[in-house]
Structure formats: structure tokens, C-alpha cells
C-alpha atoms as a PDB file:
ATOM      1  CA  MET A   1     -70.476  -6.784 -51.943  1.00  0.00           C
ATOM      2  CA  SER A   2     -72.260  -9.308 -50.593  1.00  0.00           C
ATOM      3  CA  ALA A   3     -75.265 -11.227 -51.946  1.00  0.00           C
ATOM      4  CA  ALA A   4     -78.000 -11.395 -50.014  1.00  0.00           C
ATOM      5  CA  THR A   5     -79.869 -14.917 -48.946  1.00  0.00           C
ATOM      6  CA  LYS A   6     -83.289 -17.202 -49.674  1.00  0.00           C
ATOM      7  CA  LYS A   7     -84.476 -15.501 -46.306  1.00  0.00           C
ATOM      8  CA  GLY A   8     -82.835 -11.921 -46.865  1.00  0.00           C
ATOM      9  CA  GLY A   9     -80.074 -12.008 -44.432  1.00  0.00           C
ATOM     10  CA  GLU A  10     -76.539 -10.979 -45.361  1.00  0.00           C
ATOM     11  CA  ARG A  11     -74.243 -13.700 -46.655  1.00  0.00           C
ATOM     12  CA  PRO A  12     -70.628 -12.942 -45.804  1.00  0.00           C
ATOM     13  CA  GLU A  13     -67.753 -12.691 -48.593  1.00  0.00           C
ATOM     14  CA  ARG A  14     -66.105 -15.829 -50.147  1.00  0.00           C
ATOM     15  CA  VAL A  15     -63.927 -17.195 -47.726  1.00  0.00           C
ATOM     16  CA  PRO A  16     -60.740 -18.305 -49.210  1.00  0.00           C
ATOM     17  CA  THR A  17     -60.114 -22.028 -49.687  1.00  0.00           C
ATOM     18  CA  HIS A  18     -56.811 -23.719 -50.175  1.00  0.00           C
ATOM     19  CA  LEU A  19     -58.222 -26.476 -52.780  1.00  0.00           C
ATOM     20  CA  ARG A  20     -57.185 -26.422 -56.218  1.00  0.00           C
ATOM     21  CA  LYS A  21     -58.111 -28.171 -59.665  1.00  0.00           C
ATOM     22  CA  GLY A  22     -56.462 -31.348 -60.396  1.00  0.00           C
ATOM     23  CA  ASP A  23     -56.353 -31.642 -56.028  1.00  0.00           C
ATOM     24  CA  THR A  24     -56.794 -35.168 -54.958  1.00  0.00           C
ATOM     25  CA  VAL A  25     -59.531 -34.736 -51.883  1.00  0.00           C
ATOM     26  CA  LEU A  26     -61.246 -37.453 -49.560  1.00  0.00           C
ATOM     27  CA  VAL A  27     -64.539 -36.773 -48.489  1.00  0.00           C
ATOM     28  CA  ILE A  28     -65.227 -36.499 -44.443  1.00  0.00           C
ATOM     29  CA  ALA A  29     -69.094 -36.299 -44.623  1.00  0.00           C
ATOM     30  CA  GLY A  30     -72.089 -36.800 -46.367  1.00  0.00           C
ATOM     31  CA  ARG A  31     -73.079 -39.138 -48.778  1.00  0.00           C
ATOM     32  CA  GLU A  32     -70.049 -40.111 -50.461  1.00  0.00           C
ATOM     33  CA  ARG A  33     -67.983 -40.339 -46.702  1.00  0.00           C
ATOM     34  CA  GLY A  34     -64.703 -41.916 -47.292  1.00  0.00           C
ATOM     35  CA  LYS A  35     -63.922 -41.866 -50.836  1.00  0.00           C
ATOM     36  CA  SER A  36     -61.990 -39.943 -52.786  1.00  0.00           C
ATOM     37  CA  GLY A  37     -61.496 -38.518 -56.072  1.00  0.00           C
ATOM     38  CA  ARG A  38     -59.660 -35.456 -58.092  1.00  0.00           C
ATOM     39  CA  ILE A  39     -61.176 -31.631 -58.634  1.00  0.00           C
ATOM     40  CA  LEU A  40     -62.846 -31.163 -61.636  1.00  0.00           C
ATOM     41  CA  GLN A  41     -64.335 -27.683 -61.131  1.00  0.00           C
ATOM     42  CA  LEU A  42     -64.410 -25.407 -58.313  1.00  0.00           C
ATOM     43  CA  LEU A  43     -67.185 -23.177 -57.434  1.00  0.00           C
ATOM     44  CA  THR A  44     -66.057 -20.604 -55.758  1.00  0.00           C
ATOM     45  CA  GLU A  45     -68.867 -18.015 -55.801  1.00  0.00           C
ATOM     46  CA  LYS A  46     -70.441 -21.258 -53.812  1.00  0.00           C
ATOM     47  CA  ASP A  47     -67.635 -22.412 -51.943  1.00  0.00           C
ATOM     48  CA  ARG A  48     -68.456 -26.010 -53.575  1.00  0.00           C
ATOM     49  CA  ALA A  49     -65.871 -28.380 -55.966  1.00  0.00           C
ATOM     50  CA  LYS A  50     -67.103 -31.456 -58.315  1.00  0.00           C
ATOM     51  CA  VAL A  51     -65.168 -34.100 -57.953  1.00  0.00           C
ATOM     52  CA  GLU A  52     -64.302 -37.026 -59.904  1.00  0.00           C
ATOM     53  CA  ARG A  53     -66.991 -39.838 -60.345  1.00  0.00           C
ATOM     54  CA  LEU A  54     -68.638 -38.953 -56.753  1.00  0.00           C
ATOM     55  CA  ASN A  55     -72.305 -37.797 -55.738  1.00  0.00           C
ATOM     56  CA  MET A  56     -73.024 -38.772 -59.373  1.00  0.00           C
ATOM     57  CA  ILE A  57     -77.040 -37.082 -60.487  1.00  0.00           C
ATOM     58  CA  LYS A  58     -79.084 -38.190 -63.247  1.00  0.00           C
ATOM     59  CA  ARG A  59     -80.101 -35.333 -65.996  1.00  0.00           C
ATOM     60  CA  HIS A  60     -83.012 -36.512 -68.444  1.00  0.00           C
ATOM     61  CA  ARG A  61     -81.533 -34.609 -71.811  1.00  0.00           C
ATOM     62  CA  LYS A  62     -84.163 -33.964 -74.400  1.00  0.00           C
ATOM     63  CA  ALA A  63     -82.618 -34.658 -77.793  1.00  0.00           C
ATOM     64  CA  SER A  64     -81.388 -31.798 -79.992  1.00  0.00           C
ATOM     65  CA  GLY A  65     -79.856 -31.933 -83.253  1.00  0.00           C
ATOM     66  CA  ASN A  66     -77.598 -34.574 -83.831  1.00  0.00           C
ATOM     67  CA  ALA A  67     -76.942 -34.931 -80.143  1.00  0.00           C
ATOM     68  CA  ALA A  68     -78.921 -38.040 -78.365  1.00  0.00           C
ATOM     69  CA  GLY A  69     -80.911 -37.539 -75.845  1.00  0.00           C
ATOM     70  CA  GLY A  70     -81.768 -39.771 -72.978  1.00  0.00           C
ATOM     71  CA  ILE A  71     -80.193 -39.800 -68.951  1.00  0.00           C
ATOM     72  CA  VAL A  72     -77.236 -38.224 -68.674  1.00  0.00           C
ATOM     73  CA  GLU A  73     -74.954 -39.131 -65.669  1.00  0.00           C
ATOM     74  CA  LYS A  74     -72.608 -36.361 -64.244  1.00  0.00           C
ATOM     75  CA  GLU A  75     -70.960 -35.073 -60.857  1.00  0.00           C
ATOM     76  CA  ALA A  76     -72.744 -32.538 -58.202  1.00  0.00           C
ATOM     77  CA  SER A  77     -70.795 -30.108 -56.699  1.00  0.00           C
ATOM     78  CA  ILE A  78     -69.456 -30.539 -53.116  1.00  0.00           C
ATOM     79  CA  HIS A  79     -69.446 -28.037 -50.338  1.00  0.00           C
ATOM     80  CA  CYS A  80     -65.445 -27.497 -49.913  1.00  0.00           C
ATOM     81  CA  SER A  81     -65.977 -28.188 -46.285  1.00  0.00           C
ATOM     82  CA  ASN A  82     -66.366 -31.443 -46.583  1.00  0.00           C
ATOM     83  CA  LEU A  83     -63.354 -32.056 -48.379  1.00  0.00           C
ATOM     84  CA  GLN A  84     -59.735 -32.818 -47.154  1.00  0.00           C
ATOM     85  CA  ILE A  85     -56.832 -32.865 -49.581  1.00  0.00           C
ATOM     86  CA  LEU A  86     -55.202 -36.132 -49.521  1.00  0.00           C
ATOM     87  CA  CYS A  87     -50.918 -35.660 -49.431  1.00  0.00           C
ATOM     88  CA  GLY A  88     -49.488 -37.490 -52.106  1.00  0.00           C
ATOM     89  CA  ARG A  89     -46.179 -38.804 -50.060  1.00  0.00           C
ATOM     90  CA  CYS A  90     -48.175 -39.827 -46.763  1.00  0.00           C
ATOM     91  CA  ASN A  91     -51.701 -40.510 -48.793  1.00  0.00           C
ATOM     92  CA  LYS A  92     -53.538 -39.387 -46.004  1.00  0.00           C
ATOM     93  CA  PRO A  93     -55.917 -36.452 -45.050  1.00  0.00           C
ATOM     94  CA  THR A  94     -54.209 -33.415 -44.280  1.00  0.00           C
ATOM     95  CA  ARG A  95     -54.599 -29.548 -43.817  1.00  0.00           C
ATOM     96  CA  ILE A  96     -52.689 -27.328 -45.391  1.00  0.00           C
ATOM     97  CA  ALA A  97     -50.183 -24.813 -44.755  1.00  0.00           C
ATOM     98  CA  VAL A  98     -48.585 -22.158 -47.271  1.00  0.00           C
ATOM     99  CA  ARG A  99     -44.607 -21.226 -47.014  1.00  0.00           C
ATOM    100  CA  ARG A 100     -42.709 -18.834 -49.381  1.00  0.00           C
ATOM    101  CA  THR A 101     -39.490 -20.307 -51.015  1.00  0.00           C
ATOM    102  CA  PRO A 102     -36.301 -18.576 -51.237  1.00  0.00           C
ATOM    103  CA  GLU A 103     -37.539 -17.011 -54.497  1.00  0.00           C
ATOM    104  CA  GLY A 104     -40.322 -16.015 -53.363  1.00  0.00           C
ATOM    105  CA  LYS A 105     -42.797 -18.570 -54.558  1.00  0.00           C
ATOM    106  CA  ARG A 106     -46.064 -19.322 -52.496  1.00  0.00           C
ATOM    107  CA  VAL A 107     -46.127 -23.289 -51.713  1.00  0.00           C
ATOM    108  CA  ARG A 108     -48.415 -25.740 -49.798  1.00  0.00           C
ATOM    109  CA  TYR A 109     -47.520 -27.730 -47.582  1.00  0.00           C
ATOM    110  CA  CYS A 110     -48.622 -31.114 -45.514  1.00  0.00           C
ATOM    111  CA  ARG A 111     -49.061 -30.296 -42.329  1.00  0.00           C
ATOM    112  CA  ARG A 112     -48.886 -33.785 -40.963  1.00  0.00           C
ATOM    113  CA  ARG A 113     -45.717 -34.266 -37.902  1.00  0.00           C
ATOM    114  CA  ASP A 114     -44.756 -37.159 -39.829  1.00  0.00           C
ATOM    115  CA  CYS A 115     -45.101 -35.889 -43.392  1.00  0.00           C
ATOM    116  CA  ARG A 116     -44.295 -31.809 -43.899  1.00  0.00           C
ATOM    117  CA  GLU A 117     -44.211 -32.427 -47.933  1.00  0.00           C
ATOM    118  CA  ALA A 118     -44.741 -30.086 -50.326  1.00  0.00           C
ATOM    119  CA  ILE A 119     -47.942 -30.297 -52.033  1.00  0.00           C
ATOM    120  CA  ASP A 120     -47.423 -28.245 -55.126  1.00  0.00           C
ATOM    121  CA  GLY A 121     -44.300 -29.362 -57.773  1.00  0.00           C
END
């Protein structure tokens, strides 16, 4: 079930991501590089995420019914390859690894040598 791209080529299947809604992430590339925020929405089909108060765009909205019109600011999506998760304990950007607890539950954890703290509660 691969979708065709604009140039007619085949796009590979969706790459799994370790990011989840509510994670705190750091932007590592692009116009917003160095800023951090919380993930509001994951767009898994496009491998993109909307991050709170980052990559803001303006949209001109027409008034309809009792909703007022005007210029509305909202978050645009950022590609997941430009985001890196922040560890809650060491507060540094990290890669994620997954372990299984003795109960069989999957838990994401920080891969930093000095931390190794679980990111999921």
C-alpha cells in the first residue's frame, strides 16, 4: 500500500517513529532550531508532528455565522526527522530505546549513558 509521489515514483511504507503525543521535543534542524515544545498532534501518514507554539503560520479566515473572521495563527507541522525527544530527568535531547518490563509492558527509555531513565511513566 505505497502511495505515489508527485514525480510518479514509489514512496516507501511509513517509517515507525518513537515520538508520541504529549512528548517534549527539541527541534534540531530548520528555522525553529534549538527551540523545544510539546507534541500536539502526530501526522503519521506524512511522518510529521505539530509542536506547541513552534513553526507558527498565519491563515486568513473568513467570518462565517457567529464565528469572527480575521488573521488566525496556528502551528504548522515539522518533519519527525527534525525533532529529538527531551529526557524528563536529564533534560537533554536523546535517542530512544525500548525495553520490556517483567510484566511484559513496553517502556521507552533514555539512551544517554549517564541517565538510562524510563521516559514512559
